[in-house]
Amino acid sequence: EVKVIVADSELAIRRNDFDAAVKMLNKVPQESPAYGQAQMVKANIYLTHRHDKRAYTKCYRDLVEMDPSPRSYVLLGEAYMRIQAPEAAVEAYHRALKLDP
């Protein structure tokens, strides 16, 4: 079911129906293995189509909150770099290093 939600959201994106895509992606439960992918797709919608940097980074902060792993912190750091926030990126990268030197 979750894979269907993600696929449906991608179809909505192709139709430029970004609100519908975000609503669908919000239905992916945190326990799902597809949650990370859903958050990243949603983040891309926020940044690319809505130009909402705050919502974009929130998707990645939510990933870190759910799974505070080095990988999650690296993804968060990359997200901050993408929006030209190097100080926040460095902090995220440092946290990743503390978890996995």
N, C-alpha and C. Protein backbone atom coordinates (compact mmCIF):
# COMPACT_ATOMS: atom_id res chain seq x y z
N GLU A 1 0.82 -1.21 0.00
CA GLU A 1 0.00 0.00 0.00
C GLU A 1 0.86 1.26 0.00
N VAL A 2 1.94 1.26 0.76
CA VAL A 2 2.79 2.43 0.84
C VAL A 2 3.46 2.71 -0.50
N LYS A 3 3.89 1.65 -1.18
CA LYS A 3 4.51 1.83 -2.49
C LYS A 3 3.52 2.43 -3.48
N VAL A 4 2.26 2.06 -3.33
CA VAL A 4 1.21 2.62 -4.19
C VAL A 4 1.04 4.11 -3.91
N ILE A 5 1.08 4.48 -2.64
CA ILE A 5 0.96 5.89 -2.27
C ILE A 5 2.10 6.70 -2.89
N VAL A 6 3.32 6.19 -2.78
CA VAL A 6 4.48 6.89 -3.34
C VAL A 6 4.35 6.99 -4.86
N ALA A 7 3.94 5.90 -5.49
CA ALA A 7 3.77 5.91 -6.96
C ALA A 7 2.67 6.89 -7.37
N ASP A 8 1.56 6.88 -6.64
CA ASP A 8 0.48 7.83 -6.93
C ASP A 8 0.94 9.27 -6.77
N SER A 9 1.76 9.51 -5.75
CA SER A 9 2.25 10.88 -5.54
C SER A 9 3.15 11.30 -6.70
N GLU A 10 3.94 10.37 -7.23
CA GLU A 10 4.79 10.70 -8.37
C GLU A 10 3.95 11.04 -9.60
N LEU A 11 2.83 10.34 -9.77
CA LEU A 11 1.92 10.68 -10.87
C LEU A 11 1.32 12.06 -10.67
N ALA A 12 0.96 12.37 -9.43
CA ALA A 12 0.41 13.70 -9.14
C ALA A 12 1.44 14.79 -9.43
N ILE A 13 2.69 14.51 -9.14
CA ILE A 13 3.76 15.48 -9.42
C ILE A 13 3.86 15.71 -10.93
N ARG A 14 3.77 14.63 -11.69
CA ARG A 14 3.85 14.76 -13.16
C ARG A 14 2.68 15.58 -13.70
N ARG A 15 1.55 15.55 -12.99
CA ARG A 15 0.38 16.35 -13.39
C ARG A 15 0.45 17.77 -12.81
N ASN A 16 1.53 18.07 -12.14
CA ASN A 16 1.71 19.36 -11.46
C ASN A 16 0.68 19.58 -10.36
N ASP A 17 0.20 18.51 -9.77
CA ASP A 17 -0.74 18.59 -8.66
C ASP A 17 0.05 18.34 -7.37
N PHE A 18 0.80 19.35 -6.97
CA PHE A 18 1.73 19.20 -5.85
C PHE A 18 1.02 19.09 -4.51
N ASP A 19 -0.12 19.76 -4.36
CA ASP A 19 -0.88 19.64 -3.11
C ASP A 19 -1.34 18.20 -2.90
N ALA A 20 -1.84 17.58 -3.95
CA ALA A 20 -2.29 16.18 -3.85
C ALA A 20 -1.11 15.27 -3.53
N ALA A 21 0.02 15.53 -4.15
CA ALA A 21 1.20 14.70 -3.91
C ALA A 21 1.63 14.79 -2.44
N VAL A 22 1.66 16.00 -1.90
CA VAL A 22 2.06 16.17 -0.50
C VAL A 22 1.06 15.48 0.42
N LYS A 23 -0.22 15.61 0.14
CA LYS A 23 -1.24 14.95 0.97
C LYS A 23 -1.04 13.44 0.97
N MET A 24 -0.75 12.89 -0.20
CA MET A 24 -0.52 11.44 -0.29
C MET A 24 0.73 11.04 0.50
N LEU A 25 1.80 11.80 0.34
CA LEU A 25 3.05 11.47 1.02
C LEU A 25 2.92 11.62 2.53
N ASN A 26 2.05 12.50 2.99
CA ASN A 26 1.82 12.64 4.42
C ASN A 26 1.17 11.40 5.02
N LYS A 27 0.59 10.57 4.19
CA LYS A 27 -0.08 9.35 4.67
C LYS A 27 0.90 8.20 4.92
N VAL A 28 2.14 8.34 4.49
CA VAL A 28 3.12 7.28 4.70
C VAL A 28 3.51 7.27 6.18
N PRO A 29 3.24 6.17 6.88
CA PRO A 29 3.54 6.13 8.32
C PRO A 29 5.05 6.09 8.59
N GLN A 30 5.44 6.64 9.73
CA GLN A 30 6.85 6.67 10.11
C GLN A 30 7.45 5.28 10.21
N GLU A 31 6.64 4.28 10.51
CA GLU A 31 7.12 2.92 10.68
C GLU A 31 7.44 2.26 9.34
N SER A 32 6.99 2.85 8.26
CA SER A 32 7.17 2.27 6.94
C SER A 32 8.60 2.40 6.46
N PRO A 33 9.11 1.36 5.78
CA PRO A 33 10.45 1.48 5.18
C PRO A 33 10.51 2.56 4.10
N ALA A 34 9.38 2.96 3.55
CA ALA A 34 9.32 3.98 2.50
C ALA A 34 9.21 5.40 3.07
N TYR A 35 9.19 5.53 4.40
CA TYR A 35 9.01 6.85 5.01
C TYR A 35 10.12 7.81 4.59
N GLY A 36 11.35 7.36 4.61
CA GLY A 36 12.46 8.23 4.24
C GLY A 36 12.34 8.72 2.81
N GLN A 37 12.01 7.82 1.91
CA GLN A 37 11.83 8.20 0.52
C GLN A 37 10.69 9.20 0.38
N ALA A 38 9.59 8.94 1.08
CA ALA A 38 8.44 9.85 1.01
C ALA A 38 8.81 11.24 1.50
N GLN A 39 9.58 11.30 2.59
CA GLN A 39 9.99 12.60 3.12
C GLN A 39 10.88 13.35 2.13
N MET A 40 11.77 12.62 1.46
CA MET A 40 12.67 13.28 0.52
C MET A 40 11.92 13.76 -0.73
N VAL A 41 10.94 12.99 -1.19
CA VAL A 41 10.13 13.43 -2.33
C VAL A 41 9.33 14.67 -1.94
N LYS A 42 8.76 14.62 -0.74
CA LYS A 42 7.99 15.77 -0.25
C LYS A 42 8.88 17.00 -0.09
N ALA A 43 10.08 16.81 0.42
CA ALA A 43 11.02 17.91 0.58
C ALA A 43 11.34 18.55 -0.78
N ASN A 44 11.53 17.71 -1.77
CA ASN A 44 11.83 18.22 -3.11
C ASN A 44 10.67 19.05 -3.66
N ILE A 45 9.45 18.62 -3.38
CA ILE A 45 8.28 19.40 -3.81
C ILE A 45 8.30 20.77 -3.13
N TYR A 46 8.55 20.76 -1.83
CA TYR A 46 8.56 22.03 -1.09
C TYR A 46 9.62 22.99 -1.64
N LEU A 47 10.80 22.47 -1.94
CA LEU A 47 11.86 23.36 -2.39
C LEU A 47 11.70 23.75 -3.86
N THR A 48 11.47 22.78 -4.71
CA THR A 48 11.47 23.03 -6.15
C THR A 48 10.21 23.73 -6.65
N HIS A 49 9.07 23.33 -6.11
CA HIS A 49 7.81 23.83 -6.65
C HIS A 49 7.15 24.90 -5.79
N ARG A 50 7.37 24.82 -4.49
CA ARG A 50 6.76 25.82 -3.60
C ARG A 50 7.77 26.86 -3.10
N HIS A 51 9.04 26.59 -3.31
CA HIS A 51 10.11 27.49 -2.88
C HIS A 51 10.02 27.79 -1.38
N ASP A 52 9.73 26.74 -0.61
CA ASP A 52 9.56 26.85 0.84
C ASP A 52 10.72 26.14 1.53
N LYS A 53 11.76 26.91 1.84
CA LYS A 53 12.95 26.33 2.44
C LYS A 53 12.70 25.77 3.84
N ARG A 54 11.83 26.42 4.57
CA ARG A 54 11.53 25.96 5.94
C ARG A 54 10.86 24.59 5.92
N ALA A 55 9.87 24.41 5.06
CA ALA A 55 9.19 23.12 4.95
C ALA A 55 10.14 22.06 4.41
N TYR A 56 11.01 22.48 3.48
CA TYR A 56 12.00 21.57 2.91
C TYR A 56 12.90 20.99 4.00
N THR A 57 13.48 21.86 4.82
CA THR A 57 14.38 21.36 5.86
C THR A 57 13.63 20.63 6.96
N LYS A 58 12.37 20.98 7.18
CA LYS A 58 11.59 20.26 8.20
C LYS A 58 11.45 18.79 7.84
N CYS A 59 11.30 18.49 6.58
CA CYS A 59 11.21 17.09 6.16
C CYS A 59 12.46 16.32 6.59
N TYR A 60 13.62 16.93 6.42
CA TYR A 60 14.87 16.28 6.81
C TYR A 60 15.05 16.26 8.32
N ARG A 61 14.61 17.32 9.00
CA ARG A 61 14.67 17.30 10.48
C ARG A 61 13.76 16.21 11.03
N ASP A 62 12.61 16.00 10.38
CA ASP A 62 11.72 14.92 10.80
C ASP A 62 12.39 13.55 10.62
N LEU A 63 13.16 13.41 9.54
CA LEU A 63 13.89 12.16 9.33
C LEU A 63 14.88 11.92 10.46
N VAL A 64 15.59 12.98 10.85
CA VAL A 64 16.57 12.86 11.93
C VAL A 64 15.86 12.53 13.25
N GLU A 65 14.73 13.16 13.48
CA GLU A 65 13.98 12.91 14.72
C GLU A 65 13.53 11.45 14.79
N MET A 66 13.10 10.92 13.65
CA MET A 66 12.63 9.54 13.63
C MET A 66 13.80 8.55 13.69
N ASP A 67 14.89 8.89 13.03
CA ASP A 67 16.05 8.01 12.95
C ASP A 67 17.33 8.84 13.08
N PRO A 68 17.77 9.10 14.31
CA PRO A 68 18.95 9.95 14.50
C PRO A 68 20.27 9.22 14.18
N SER A 69 20.38 8.75 12.94
CA SER A 69 21.56 8.00 12.51
C SER A 69 22.53 8.94 11.78
N PRO A 70 23.77 8.48 11.60
CA PRO A 70 24.72 9.31 10.84
C PRO A 70 24.19 9.63 9.44
N ARG A 71 23.57 8.66 8.79
CA ARG A 71 23.04 8.88 7.44
C ARG A 71 21.99 9.99 7.44
N SER A 72 21.10 9.98 8.42
CA SER A 72 20.07 11.01 8.50
C SER A 72 20.68 12.39 8.68
N TYR A 73 21.70 12.47 9.54
CA TYR A 73 22.37 13.76 9.75
C TYR A 73 23.10 14.23 8.50
N VAL A 74 23.69 13.30 7.74
CA VAL A 74 24.35 13.68 6.50
C VAL A 74 23.31 14.20 5.50
N LEU A 75 22.17 13.53 5.40
CA LEU A 75 21.10 14.01 4.51
C LEU A 75 20.64 15.40 4.93
N LEU A 76 20.52 15.62 6.23
CA LEU A 76 20.13 16.94 6.73
C LEU A 76 21.19 17.98 6.36
N GLY A 77 22.45 17.62 6.52
CA GLY A 77 23.52 18.54 6.14
C GLY A 77 23.49 18.88 4.66
N GLU A 78 23.25 17.88 3.84
CA GLU A 78 23.15 18.11 2.39
C GLU A 78 21.96 19.02 2.06
N ALA A 79 20.87 18.82 2.78
CA ALA A 79 19.70 19.68 2.56
C ALA A 79 20.02 21.13 2.91
N TYR A 80 20.70 21.33 4.03
CA TYR A 80 21.09 22.70 4.40
C TYR A 80 22.04 23.31 3.37
N MET A 81 22.96 22.51 2.86
CA MET A 81 23.87 23.04 1.84
C MET A 81 23.10 23.42 0.58
N ARG A 82 22.10 22.65 0.25
CA ARG A 82 21.33 22.94 -0.96
C ARG A 82 20.61 24.29 -0.87
N ILE A 83 20.27 24.70 0.34
CA ILE A 83 19.58 26.00 0.49
C ILE A 83 20.53 27.09 0.97
N GLN A 84 21.82 26.82 0.84
CA GLN A 84 22.84 27.82 1.19
C GLN A 84 22.82 28.18 2.68
N ALA A 85 22.77 27.17 3.53
CA ALA A 85 22.84 27.37 4.98
C ALA A 85 24.03 26.56 5.52
N PRO A 86 25.24 27.01 5.22
CA PRO A 86 26.42 26.20 5.57
C PRO A 86 26.64 26.00 7.07
N GLU A 87 26.28 26.98 7.89
CA GLU A 87 26.49 26.82 9.33
C GLU A 87 25.65 25.66 9.88
N ALA A 88 24.40 25.60 9.47
CA ALA A 88 23.53 24.51 9.90
C ALA A 88 24.01 23.19 9.32
N ALA A 89 24.53 23.22 8.10
CA ALA A 89 25.05 22.00 7.48
C ALA A 89 26.24 21.46 8.26
N VAL A 90 27.15 22.35 8.64
CA VAL A 90 28.33 21.93 9.39
C VAL A 90 27.90 21.29 10.72
N GLU A 91 26.92 21.87 11.37
CA GLU A 91 26.44 21.30 12.63
C GLU A 91 25.88 19.89 12.41
N ALA A 92 25.12 19.71 11.35
CA ALA A 92 24.56 18.38 11.05
C ALA A 92 25.67 17.39 10.74
N TYR A 93 26.67 17.81 9.97
CA TYR A 93 27.79 16.92 9.65
C TYR A 93 28.59 16.56 10.91
N HIS A 94 28.76 17.52 11.83
CA HIS A 94 29.45 17.22 13.08
C HIS A 94 28.69 16.18 13.90
N ARG A 95 27.39 16.30 13.92
CA ARG A 95 26.59 15.31 14.65
C ARG A 95 26.74 13.92 14.03
N ALA A 96 26.78 13.87 12.69
CA ALA A 96 27.00 12.59 12.01
C ALA A 96 28.34 12.00 12.40
N LEU A 97 29.36 12.85 12.44
CA LEU A 97 30.70 12.38 12.81
C LEU A 97 30.77 11.88 14.25
N LYS A 98 30.05 12.56 15.14
CA LYS A 98 30.04 12.12 16.54
C LYS A 98 29.43 10.74 16.66
N LEU A 99 28.44 10.44 15.84
CA LEU A 99 27.78 9.14 15.90
C LEU A 99 28.60 8.05 15.20
N ASP A 100 29.39 8.45 14.19
CA ASP A 100 30.15 7.47 13.43
C ASP A 100 31.49 8.09 13.02
N PRO A 101 32.45 8.08 13.95
CA PRO A 101 33.76 8.70 13.66
C PRO A 101 34.49 7.91 12.62
